């Protein structure tokens, strides 16, 4: 039997990854609509890998700023939509990091 704390952690991880994938898929679809890429391409695989990394980053940011529940879920989708470059630009803008 799986301990409840481990089950809760795995449930949270699953939700985070699904939401991160949704955010990156929204961005990918926008790129397809703009004619910058085809939907079924190697780019879709890269977006999936980016979603994993950005999902962890988004969950960490949401936790850092004290978000819980639906606001945290919305933040994960929004941050995943922005992607790594968008998050870096946002952090520079709000002064968390210096411009490279």
PDB file of N, CA and C in Angstrom:
ATOM      1  N   UNK A   1       0.841  -1.187   0.000  1.00  0.00           N
ATOM      2  CA  UNK A   1       0.000   0.000   0.000  1.00  0.00           C
ATOM      3  C   UNK A   1       0.887   1.251   0.000  1.00  0.00           C
ATOM      4  N   UNK A   2       0.509   2.223  -0.788  1.00  0.00           N
ATOM      5  CA  UNK A   2       1.270   3.464  -0.907  1.00  0.00           C
ATOM      6  C   UNK A   2       0.884   4.407   0.231  1.00  0.00           C
ATOM      7  N   UNK A   3       1.879   4.966   0.942  1.00  0.00           N
ATOM      8  CA  UNK A   3       1.558   5.928   1.999  1.00  0.00           C
ATOM      9  C   UNK A   3       0.815   7.139   1.417  1.00  0.00           C
ATOM     10  N   UNK A   4      -0.093   7.712   2.198  1.00  0.00           N
ATOM     11  CA  UNK A   4      -0.921   8.812   1.693  1.00  0.00           C
ATOM     12  C   UNK A   4      -0.088  10.038   1.317  1.00  0.00           C
ATOM     13  N   UNK A   5       1.013  10.279   2.038  1.00  0.00           N
ATOM     14  CA  UNK A   5       1.845  11.442   1.698  1.00  0.00           C
ATOM     15  C   UNK A   5       2.500  11.262   0.328  1.00  0.00           C
ATOM     16  N   UNK A   6       2.937  10.049   0.012  1.00  0.00           N
ATOM     17  CA  UNK A   6       3.532   9.780  -1.297  1.00  0.00           C
ATOM     18  C   UNK A   6       2.469   9.855  -2.386  1.00  0.00           C
ATOM     19  N   UNK A   7       1.279   9.335  -2.104  1.00  0.00           N
ATOM     20  CA  UNK A   7       0.183   9.401  -3.077  1.00  0.00           C
ATOM     21  C   UNK A   7      -0.183  10.852  -3.372  1.00  0.00           C
ATOM     22  N   UNK A   8      -0.239  11.693  -2.344  1.00  0.00           N
ATOM     23  CA  UNK A   8      -0.543  13.114  -2.535  1.00  0.00           C
ATOM     24  C   UNK A   8       0.533  13.793  -3.373  1.00  0.00           C
ATOM     25  N   UNK A   9       1.793  13.458  -3.114  1.00  0.00           N
ATOM     26  CA  UNK A   9       2.891  14.050  -3.876  1.00  0.00           C
ATOM     27  C   UNK A   9       2.822  13.637  -5.338  1.00  0.00           C
ATOM     28  N   UNK A  10       2.543  12.373  -5.604  1.00  0.00           N
ATOM     29  CA  UNK A  10       2.439  11.897  -6.988  1.00  0.00           C
ATOM     30  C   UNK A  10       1.240  12.510  -7.694  1.00  0.00           C
ATOM     31  N   UNK A  11       0.131  12.668  -6.977  1.00  0.00           N
ATOM     32  CA  UNK A  11      -1.038  13.326  -7.569  1.00  0.00           C
ATOM     33  C   UNK A  11      -0.703  14.760  -7.959  1.00  0.00           C
ATOM     34  N   UNK A  12      -0.016  15.469  -7.064  1.00  0.00           N
ATOM     35  CA  UNK A  12       0.376  16.852  -7.348  1.00  0.00           C
ATOM     36  C   UNK A  12       1.327  16.934  -8.530  1.00  0.00           C
ATOM     37  N   UNK A  13       2.249  15.981  -8.611  1.00  0.00           N
ATOM     38  CA  UNK A  13       3.186  15.955  -9.734  1.00  0.00           C
ATOM     39  C   UNK A  13       2.446  15.715 -11.037  1.00  0.00           C
ATOM     40  N   UNK A  14       1.496  14.790 -11.021  1.00  0.00           N
ATOM     41  CA  UNK A  14       0.725  14.505 -12.236  1.00  0.00           C
ATOM     42  C   UNK A  14      -0.068  15.716 -12.703  1.00  0.00           C
ATOM     43  N   UNK A  15      -0.719  16.392 -11.776  1.00  0.00           N
ATOM     44  CA  UNK A  15      -1.490  17.589 -12.122  1.00  0.00           C
ATOM     45  C   UNK A  15      -0.564  18.662 -12.684  1.00  0.00           C
ATOM     46  N   UNK A  16       0.582  18.854 -12.043  1.00  0.00           N
ATOM     47  CA  UNK A  16       1.537  19.862 -12.508  1.00  0.00           C
ATOM     48  C   UNK A  16       1.990  19.576 -13.932  1.00  0.00           C
ATOM     49  N   UNK A  17       2.312  18.317 -14.224  1.00  0.00           N
ATOM     50  CA  UNK A  17       2.801  17.973 -15.559  1.00  0.00           C
ATOM     51  C   UNK A  17       1.708  18.120 -16.616  1.00  0.00           C
ATOM     52  N   UNK A  18       0.479  17.764 -16.285  1.00  0.00           N
ATOM     53  CA  UNK A  18      -0.623  17.912 -17.240  1.00  0.00           C
ATOM     54  C   UNK A  18      -0.860  19.395 -17.536  1.00  0.00           C
ATOM     55  N   UNK A  19      -0.857  20.219 -16.502  1.00  0.00           N
ATOM     56  CA  UNK A  19      -1.082  21.651 -16.700  1.00  0.00           C
ATOM     57  C   UNK A  19       0.066  22.302 -17.462  1.00  0.00           C
ATOM     58  N   UNK A  20       1.300  21.880 -17.162  1.00  0.00           N
ATOM     59  CA  UNK A  20       2.451  22.419 -17.887  1.00  0.00           C
ATOM     60  C   UNK A  20       2.376  22.035 -19.365  1.00  0.00           C
ATOM     61  N   UNK A  21       1.990  20.802 -19.637  1.00  0.00           N
ATOM     62  CA  UNK A  21       1.832  20.368 -21.039  1.00  0.00           C
ATOM     63  C   UNK A  21       0.733  21.171 -21.723  1.00  0.00           C
ATOM     64  N   UNK A  22      -0.347  21.460 -21.007  1.00  0.00           N
ATOM     65  CA  UNK A  22      -1.428  22.263 -21.576  1.00  0.00           C
ATOM     66  C   UNK A  22      -0.938  23.671 -21.925  1.00  0.00           C
ATOM     67  N   UNK A  23      -0.171  24.278 -21.025  1.00  0.00           N
ATOM     68  CA  UNK A  23       0.364  25.612 -21.298  1.00  0.00           C
ATOM     69  C   UNK A  23       1.272  25.635 -22.514  1.00  0.00           C
ATOM     70  N   UNK A  24       2.176  24.659 -22.608  1.00  0.00           N
ATOM     71  CA  UNK A  24       3.081  24.609 -23.764  1.00  0.00           C
ATOM     72  C   UNK A  24       2.323  24.270 -25.041  1.00  0.00           C
ATOM     73  N   UNK A  25       1.285  23.426 -24.956  1.00  0.00           N
ATOM     74  CA  UNK A  25       0.487  23.095 -26.129  1.00  0.00           C
ATOM     75  C   UNK A  25      -0.256  24.325 -26.634  1.00  0.00           C
ATOM     76  N   UNK A  26      -0.730  25.164 -25.726  1.00  0.00           N
ATOM     77  CA  UNK A  26      -1.387  26.410 -26.135  1.00  0.00           C
ATOM     78  C   UNK A  26      -0.410  27.282 -26.915  1.00  0.00           C
ATOM     79  N   UNK A  27       0.830  27.389 -26.436  1.00  0.00           N
ATOM     80  CA  UNK A  27       1.834  28.202 -27.124  1.00  0.00           C
ATOM     81  C   UNK A  27       2.162  27.585 -28.486  1.00  0.00           C
ATOM     82  N   UNK A  28       2.322  26.254 -28.514  1.00  0.00           N
ATOM     83  CA  UNK A  28       2.631  25.562 -29.763  1.00  0.00           C
ATOM     84  C   UNK A  28       1.513  25.779 -30.789  1.00  0.00           C
ATOM     85  N   UNK A  29       0.265  25.689 -30.346  1.00  0.00           N
ATOM     86  CA  UNK A  29      -0.873  25.899 -31.245  1.00  0.00           C
ATOM     87  C   UNK A  29      -0.873  27.315 -31.810  1.00  0.00           C
ATOM     88  N   UNK A  30      -0.494  28.273 -30.994  1.00  0.00           N
ATOM     89  CA  UNK A  30      -0.415  29.662 -31.468  1.00  0.00           C
ATOM     90  C   UNK A  30       0.661  29.799 -32.548  1.00  0.00           C
ATOM     91  N   UNK A  31       1.778  29.137 -32.366  1.00  0.00           N
ATOM     92  CA  UNK A  31       2.840  29.159 -33.372  1.00  0.00           C
ATOM     93  C   UNK A  31       2.369  28.491 -34.673  1.00  0.00           C
ATOM     94  N   UNK A  32       1.607  27.412 -34.559  1.00  0.00           N
ATOM     95  CA  UNK A  32       1.065  26.733 -35.737  1.00  0.00           C
ATOM     96  C   UNK A  32       0.105  27.665 -36.470  1.00  0.00           C
ATOM     97  N   UNK A  33      -0.782  28.329 -35.747  1.00  0.00           N
ATOM     98  CA  UNK A  33      -1.739  29.244 -36.362  1.00  0.00           C
ATOM     99  C   UNK A  33      -1.051  30.407 -37.055  1.00  0.00           C
ATOM    100  N   UNK A  34       0.082  30.849 -36.498  1.00  0.00           N
ATOM    101  CA  UNK A  34       0.821  31.948 -37.115  1.00  0.00           C
ATOM    102  C   UNK A  34       1.625  31.484 -38.331  1.00  0.00           C
ATOM    103  N   UNK A  35       1.677  30.169 -38.564  1.00  0.00           N
ATOM    104  CA  UNK A  35       2.398  29.635 -39.711  1.00  0.00           C
ATOM    105  C   UNK A  35       3.892  29.479 -39.477  1.00  0.00           C
ATOM    106  N   UNK A  36       4.338  29.527 -38.228  1.00  0.00           N
ATOM    107  CA  UNK A  36       5.764  29.406 -37.917  1.00  0.00           C
ATOM    108  C   UNK A  36       6.242  27.963 -37.821  1.00  0.00           C
ATOM    109  N   UNK A  37       5.297  27.022 -37.678  1.00  0.00           N
ATOM    110  CA  UNK A  37       5.661  25.606 -37.598  1.00  0.00           C
ATOM    111  C   UNK A  37       4.460  24.746 -37.927  1.00  0.00           C
ATOM    112  N   UNK A  38       4.727  23.477 -38.214  1.00  0.00           N
ATOM    113  CA  UNK A  38       3.652  22.511 -38.422  1.00  0.00           C
ATOM    114  C   UNK A  38       3.281  21.908 -37.070  1.00  0.00           C
ATOM    115  N   UNK A  39       2.022  21.465 -36.927  1.00  0.00           N
ATOM    116  CA  UNK A  39       1.612  20.918 -35.632  1.00  0.00           C
ATOM    117  C   UNK A  39       2.356  19.634 -35.313  1.00  0.00           C
ATOM    118  N   UNK A  40       2.278  18.652 -36.219  1.00  0.00           N
ATOM    119  CA  UNK A  40       2.950  17.377 -35.990  1.00  0.00           C
ATOM    120  C   UNK A  40       4.369  17.463 -36.507  1.00  0.00           C
ATOM    121  N   UNK A  41       5.286  17.803 -35.625  1.00  0.00           N
ATOM    122  CA  UNK A  41       6.686  17.928 -36.007  1.00  0.00           C
ATOM    123  C   UNK A  41       7.554  17.626 -34.793  1.00  0.00           C
ATOM    124  N   UNK A  42       8.856  17.636 -35.012  1.00  0.00           N
ATOM    125  CA  UNK A  42       9.794  17.418 -33.918  1.00  0.00           C
ATOM    126  C   UNK A  42       9.656  18.512 -32.857  1.00  0.00           C
ATOM    127  N   UNK A  43       9.193  19.694 -33.269  1.00  0.00           N
ATOM    128  CA  UNK A  43       8.989  20.783 -32.304  1.00  0.00           C
ATOM    129  C   UNK A  43       8.010  20.388 -31.206  1.00  0.00           C
ATOM    130  N   UNK A  44       7.027  19.577 -31.534  1.00  0.00           N
ATOM    131  CA  UNK A  44       6.048  19.142 -30.545  1.00  0.00           C
ATOM    132  C   UNK A  44       6.721  18.279 -29.471  1.00  0.00           C
ATOM    133  N   UNK A  45       7.687  17.454 -29.884  1.00  0.00           N
ATOM    134  CA  UNK A  45       8.443  16.648 -28.915  1.00  0.00           C
ATOM    135  C   UNK A  45       9.240  17.557 -27.985  1.00  0.00           C
ATOM    136  N   UNK A  46       9.898  18.559 -28.559  1.00  0.00           N
ATOM    137  CA  UNK A  46      10.681  19.489 -27.729  1.00  0.00           C
ATOM    138  C   UNK A  46       9.785  20.252 -26.762  1.00  0.00           C
ATOM    139  N   UNK A  47       8.597  20.617 -27.208  1.00  0.00           N
ATOM    140  CA  UNK A  47       7.671  21.318 -26.317  1.00  0.00           C
ATOM    141  C   UNK A  47       7.278  20.429 -25.139  1.00  0.00           C
ATOM    142  N   UNK A  48       7.139  19.137 -25.384  1.00  0.00           N
ATOM    143  CA  UNK A  48       6.834  18.218 -24.295  1.00  0.00           C
ATOM    144  C   UNK A  48       7.941  18.152 -23.267  1.00  0.00           C
ATOM    145  N   UNK A  49       9.180  18.121 -23.743  1.00  0.00           N
ATOM    146  CA  UNK A  49      10.318  18.108 -22.824  1.00  0.00           C
ATOM    147  C   UNK A  49      10.436  19.431 -22.071  1.00  0.00           C
ATOM    148  N   UNK A  50      10.200  20.520 -22.757  1.00  0.00           N
ATOM    149  CA  UNK A  50      10.235  21.835 -22.108  1.00  0.00           C
ATOM    150  C   UNK A  50       9.141  21.911 -21.046  1.00  0.00           C
ATOM    151  N   UNK A  51       7.991  21.320 -21.328  1.00  0.00           N
ATOM    152  CA  UNK A  51       6.874  21.350 -20.373  1.00  0.00           C
ATOM    153  C   UNK A  51       7.261  20.709 -19.047  1.00  0.00           C
ATOM    154  N   UNK A  52       8.044  19.649 -19.086  1.00  0.00           N
ATOM    155  CA  UNK A  52       8.464  18.987 -17.843  1.00  0.00           C
ATOM    156  C   UNK A  52       9.313  19.937 -17.008  1.00  0.00           C
ATOM    157  N   UNK A  53      10.325  20.529 -17.612  1.00  0.00           N
ATOM    158  CA  UNK A  53      11.192  21.454 -16.879  1.00  0.00           C
ATOM    159  C   UNK A  53      10.458  22.688 -16.415  1.00  0.00           C
ATOM    160  N   UNK A  54       9.676  23.261 -17.283  1.00  0.00           N
ATOM    161  CA  UNK A  54       8.946  24.483 -16.930  1.00  0.00           C
ATOM    162  C   UNK A  54       7.873  24.177 -15.889  1.00  0.00           C
ATOM    163  N   UNK A  55       7.308  22.976 -15.922  1.00  0.00           N
ATOM    164  CA  UNK A  55       6.318  22.598 -14.920  1.00  0.00           C
ATOM    165  C   UNK A  55       6.896  22.613 -13.521  1.00  0.00           C
ATOM    166  N   UNK A  56       8.085  22.045 -13.367  1.00  0.00           N
ATOM    167  CA  UNK A  56       8.751  22.090 -12.063  1.00  0.00           C
ATOM    168  C   UNK A  56       9.075  23.522 -11.660  1.00  0.00           C
ATOM    169  N   UNK A  57       9.557  24.310 -12.613  1.00  0.00           N
ATOM    170  CA  UNK A  57       9.882  25.709 -12.341  1.00  0.00           C
ATOM    171  C   UNK A  57       8.621  26.469 -11.948  1.00  0.00           C
ATOM    172  N   UNK A  58       7.531  26.253 -12.652  1.00  0.00           N
ATOM    173  CA  UNK A  58       6.281  26.955 -12.375  1.00  0.00           C
ATOM    174  C   UNK A  58       5.732  26.588 -10.999  1.00  0.00           C
ATOM    175  N   UNK A  59       5.798  25.307 -10.658  1.00  0.00           N
ATOM    176  CA  UNK A  59       5.331  24.882  -9.340  1.00  0.00           C
ATOM    177  C   UNK A  59       6.183  25.517  -8.244  1.00  0.00           C
ATOM    178  N   UNK A  60       7.477  25.614  -8.474  1.00  0.00           N
ATOM    179  CA  UNK A  60       8.362  26.258  -7.507  1.00  0.00           C
ATOM    180  C   UNK A  60       8.073  27.744  -7.352  1.00  0.00           C
ATOM    181  N   UNK A  61       7.824  28.413  -8.462  1.00  0.00           N
ATOM    182  CA  UNK A  61       7.497  29.842  -8.406  1.00  0.00           C
ATOM    183  C   UNK A  61       6.176  30.050  -7.681  1.00  0.00           C
ATOM    184  N   UNK A  62       5.176  29.229  -7.998  1.00  0.00           N
ATOM    185  CA  UNK A  62       3.872  29.354  -7.331  1.00  0.00           C
ATOM    186  C   UNK A  62       4.014  29.130  -5.823  1.00  0.00           C
ATOM    187  N   UNK A  63       4.815  28.155  -5.450  1.00  0.00           N
ATOM    188  CA  UNK A  63       5.046  27.894  -4.027  1.00  0.00           C
ATOM    189  C   UNK A  63       5.808  29.050  -3.379  1.00  0.00           C
ATOM    190  N   UNK A  64       6.799  29.582  -4.078  1.00  0.00           N
ATOM    191  CA  UNK A  64       7.615  30.677  -3.552  1.00  0.00           C
ATOM    192  C   UNK A  64       6.786  31.923  -3.249  1.00  0.00           C
ATOM    193  N   UNK A  65       5.833  32.227  -4.126  1.00  0.00           N
ATOM    194  CA  UNK A  65       5.011  33.426  -3.910  1.00  0.00           C
ATOM    195  C   UNK A  65       3.772  33.120  -3.072  1.00  0.00           C
ATOM    196  N   UNK A  66       3.640  31.880  -2.597  1.00  0.00           N
ATOM    197  CA  UNK A  66       2.583  31.537  -1.660  1.00  0.00           C
ATOM    198  C   UNK A  66       1.228  31.220  -2.268  1.00  0.00           C
ATOM    199  N   UNK A  67       1.201  30.805  -3.535  1.00  0.00           N
ATOM    200  CA  UNK A  67      -0.074  30.467  -4.172  1.00  0.00           C
ATOM    201  C   UNK A  67      -0.472  29.036  -3.841  1.00  0.00           C
ATOM    202  N   UNK A  68      -1.760  28.835  -3.622  1.00  0.00           N
ATOM    203  CA  UNK A  68      -2.300  27.499  -3.380  1.00  0.00           C
ATOM    204  C   UNK A  68      -3.605  27.349  -4.140  1.00  0.00           C
ATOM    205  N   UNK A  69      -4.027  26.120  -4.376  1.00  0.00           N
ATOM    206  CA  UNK A  69      -5.309  25.859  -5.020  1.00  0.00           C
ATOM    207  C   UNK A  69      -5.344  26.327  -6.462  1.00  0.00           C
ATOM    208  N   UNK A  70      -6.488  26.891  -6.841  1.00  0.00           N
ATOM    209  CA  UNK A  70      -6.675  27.316  -8.240  1.00  0.00           C
ATOM    210  C   UNK A  70      -5.709  28.405  -8.684  1.00  0.00           C
ATOM    211  N   UNK A  71      -5.363  29.384  -7.833  1.00  0.00           N
ATOM    212  CA  UNK A  71      -4.364  30.362  -8.282  1.00  0.00           C
ATOM    213  C   UNK A  71      -3.031  29.707  -8.652  1.00  0.00           C
ATOM    214  N   UNK A  72      -2.624  28.690  -7.896  1.00  0.00           N
ATOM    215  CA  UNK A  72      -1.378  27.983  -8.220  1.00  0.00           C
ATOM    216  C   UNK A  72      -1.509  27.242  -9.548  1.00  0.00           C
ATOM    217  N   UNK A  73      -2.663  26.627  -9.781  1.00  0.00           N
ATOM    218  CA  UNK A  73      -2.880  25.915 -11.045  1.00  0.00           C
ATOM    219  C   UNK A  73      -2.848  26.883 -12.226  1.00  0.00           C
ATOM    220  N   UNK A  74      -3.483  28.027 -12.065  1.00  0.00           N
ATOM    221  CA  UNK A  74      -3.457  29.044 -13.115  1.00  0.00           C
ATOM    222  C   UNK A  74      -2.046  29.556 -13.370  1.00  0.00           C
ATOM    223  N   UNK A  75      -1.288  29.731 -12.296  1.00  0.00           N
ATOM    224  CA  UNK A  75       0.101  30.189 -12.448  1.00  0.00           C
ATOM    225  C   UNK A  75       0.934  29.164 -13.204  1.00  0.00           C
ATOM    226  N   UNK A  76       0.713  27.885 -12.942  1.00  0.00           N
ATOM    227  CA  UNK A  76       1.467  26.838 -13.639  1.00  0.00           C
ATOM    228  C   UNK A  76       1.169  26.874 -15.133  1.00  0.00           C
ATOM    229  N   UNK A  77      -0.100  27.014 -15.496  1.00  0.00           N
ATOM    230  CA  UNK A  77      -0.453  27.092 -16.917  1.00  0.00           C
ATOM    231  C   UNK A  77       0.152  28.345 -17.548  1.00  0.00           C
ATOM    232  N   UNK A  78       0.022  29.499 -16.868  1.00  0.00           N
ATOM    233  CA  UNK A  78       0.529  30.761 -17.405  1.00  0.00           C
ATOM    234  C   UNK A  78       2.044  30.729 -17.573  1.00  0.00           C
ATOM    235  N   UNK A  79       2.753  30.265 -16.559  1.00  0.00           N
ATOM    236  CA  UNK A  79       4.219  30.224 -16.621  1.00  0.00           C
ATOM    237  C   UNK A  79       4.662  29.223 -17.689  1.00  0.00           C
ATOM    238  N   UNK A  80       3.956  28.104 -17.810  1.00  0.00           N
ATOM    239  CA  UNK A  80       4.303  27.127 -18.848  1.00  0.00           C
ATOM    240  C   UNK A  80       4.063  27.689 -20.236  1.00  0.00           C
ATOM    241  N   UNK A  81       3.006  28.484 -20.384  1.00  0.00           N
ATOM    242  CA  UNK A  81       2.744  29.140 -21.665  1.00  0.00           C
ATOM    243  C   UNK A  81       3.894  30.078 -22.021  1.00  0.00           C
ATOM    244  N   UNK A  82       4.402  30.818 -21.027  1.00  0.00           N
ATOM    245  CA  UNK A  82       5.512  31.739 -21.280  1.00  0.00           C
ATOM    246  C   UNK A  82       6.776  30.995 -21.692  1.00  0.00           C
ATOM    247  N   UNK A  83       7.033  29.848 -21.080  1.00  0.00           N
ATOM    248  CA  UNK A  83       8.227  29.077 -21.388  1.00  0.00           C
ATOM    249  C   UNK A  83       9.461  29.662 -20.737  1.00  0.00           C
ATOM    250  N   UNK A  84      10.609  29.044 -20.975  1.00  0.00           N
ATOM    251  CA  UNK A  84      11.842  29.476 -20.321  1.00  0.00           C
ATOM    252  C   UNK A  84      12.232  30.922 -20.652  1.00  0.00           C
ATOM    253  N   UNK A  85      12.130  31.314 -21.906  1.00  0.00           N
ATOM    254  CA  UNK A  85      12.494  32.687 -22.274  1.00  0.00           C
ATOM    255  C   UNK A  85      11.535  33.700 -21.681  1.00  0.00           C
ATOM    256  N   UNK A  86      10.255  33.382 -21.690  1.00  0.00           N
ATOM    257  CA  UNK A  86       9.256  34.281 -21.116  1.00  0.00           C
ATOM    258  C   UNK A  86       9.436  34.456 -19.619  1.00  0.00           C
ATOM    259  N   UNK A  87       9.761  33.363 -18.933  1.00  0.00           N
ATOM    260  CA  UNK A  87       9.990  33.441 -17.488  1.00  0.00           C
ATOM    261  C   UNK A  87      11.229  34.279 -17.199  1.00  0.00           C
ATOM    262  N   UNK A  88      12.289  34.079 -17.979  1.00  0.00           N
ATOM    263  CA  UNK A  88      13.499  34.875 -17.781  1.00  0.00           C
ATOM    264  C   UNK A  88      13.216  36.359 -18.006  1.00  0.00           C
ATOM    265  N   UNK A  89      12.466  36.676 -19.060  1.00  0.00           N
ATOM    266  CA  UNK A  89      12.118  38.075 -19.331  1.00  0.00           C
ATOM    267  C   UNK A  89      11.269  38.656 -18.201  1.00  0.00           C
ATOM    268  N   UNK A  90      10.338  37.857 -17.685  1.00  0.00           N
ATOM    269  CA  UNK A  90       9.491  38.317 -16.578  1.00  0.00           C
ATOM    270  C   UNK A  90      10.324  38.569 -15.324  1.00  0.00           C
ATOM    271  N   UNK A  91      11.275  37.695 -15.047  1.00  0.00           N
ATOM    272  CA  UNK A  91      12.114  37.861 -13.860  1.00  0.00           C
ATOM    273  C   UNK A  91      13.017  39.083 -13.970  1.00  0.00           C
ATOM    274  N   UNK A  92      13.508  39.346 -15.165  1.00  0.00           N
ATOM    275  CA  UNK A  92      14.296  40.569 -15.380  1.00  0.00           C
ATOM    276  C   UNK A  92      13.414  41.787 -15.161  1.00  0.00           C
ATOM    277  N   UNK A  93      12.211  41.732 -15.704  1.00  0.00           N
ATOM    278  CA  UNK A  93      11.277  42.864 -15.617  1.00  0.00           C
ATOM    279  C   UNK A  93      10.914  43.218 -14.174  1.00  0.00           C
ATOM    280  N   UNK A  94      10.688  42.186 -13.327  1.00  0.00           N
ATOM    281  CA  UNK A  94      10.312  42.470 -11.944  1.00  0.00           C
ATOM    282  C   UNK A  94      11.518  42.590 -11.024  1.00  0.00           C
ATOM    283  N   UNK A  95      12.718  42.421 -11.561  1.00  0.00           N
ATOM    284  CA  UNK A  95      13.928  42.666 -10.799  1.00  0.00           C
ATOM    285  C   UNK A  95      14.468  41.492  -9.995  1.00  0.00           C
ATOM    286  N   UNK A  96      13.984  40.270 -10.261  1.00  0.00           N
ATOM    287  CA  UNK A  96      14.508  39.115  -9.542  1.00  0.00           C
ATOM    288  C   UNK A  96      15.884  38.724 -10.025  1.00  0.00           C
ATOM    289  N   UNK A  97      16.167  38.961 -11.313  1.00  0.00           N
ATOM    290  CA  UNK A  97      17.494  38.657 -11.856  1.00  0.00           C
ATOM    291  C   UNK A  97      17.924  39.846 -12.729  1.00  0.00           C
ATOM    292  N   UNK A  98      19.234  39.934 -12.964  1.00  0.00           N
ATOM    293  CA  UNK A  98      19.749  40.988 -13.842  1.00  0.00           C
ATOM    294  C   UNK A  98      19.759  40.490 -15.266  1.00  0.00           C
ATOM    295  N   UNK A  99      19.631  41.433 -16.181  1.00  0.00           N
ATOM    296  CA  UNK A  99      19.623  41.099 -17.609  1.00  0.00           C
ATOM    297  C   UNK A  99      20.970  40.528 -17.990  1.00  0.00           C
ATOM    298  N   UNK A 100      20.961  39.362 -18.701  1.00  0.00           N
ATOM    299  CA  UNK A 100      22.248  38.736 -19.062  1.00  0.00           C
ATOM    300  C   UNK A 100      23.019  39.529 -20.077  1.00  0.00           C
TER     301      UNK A 100
END
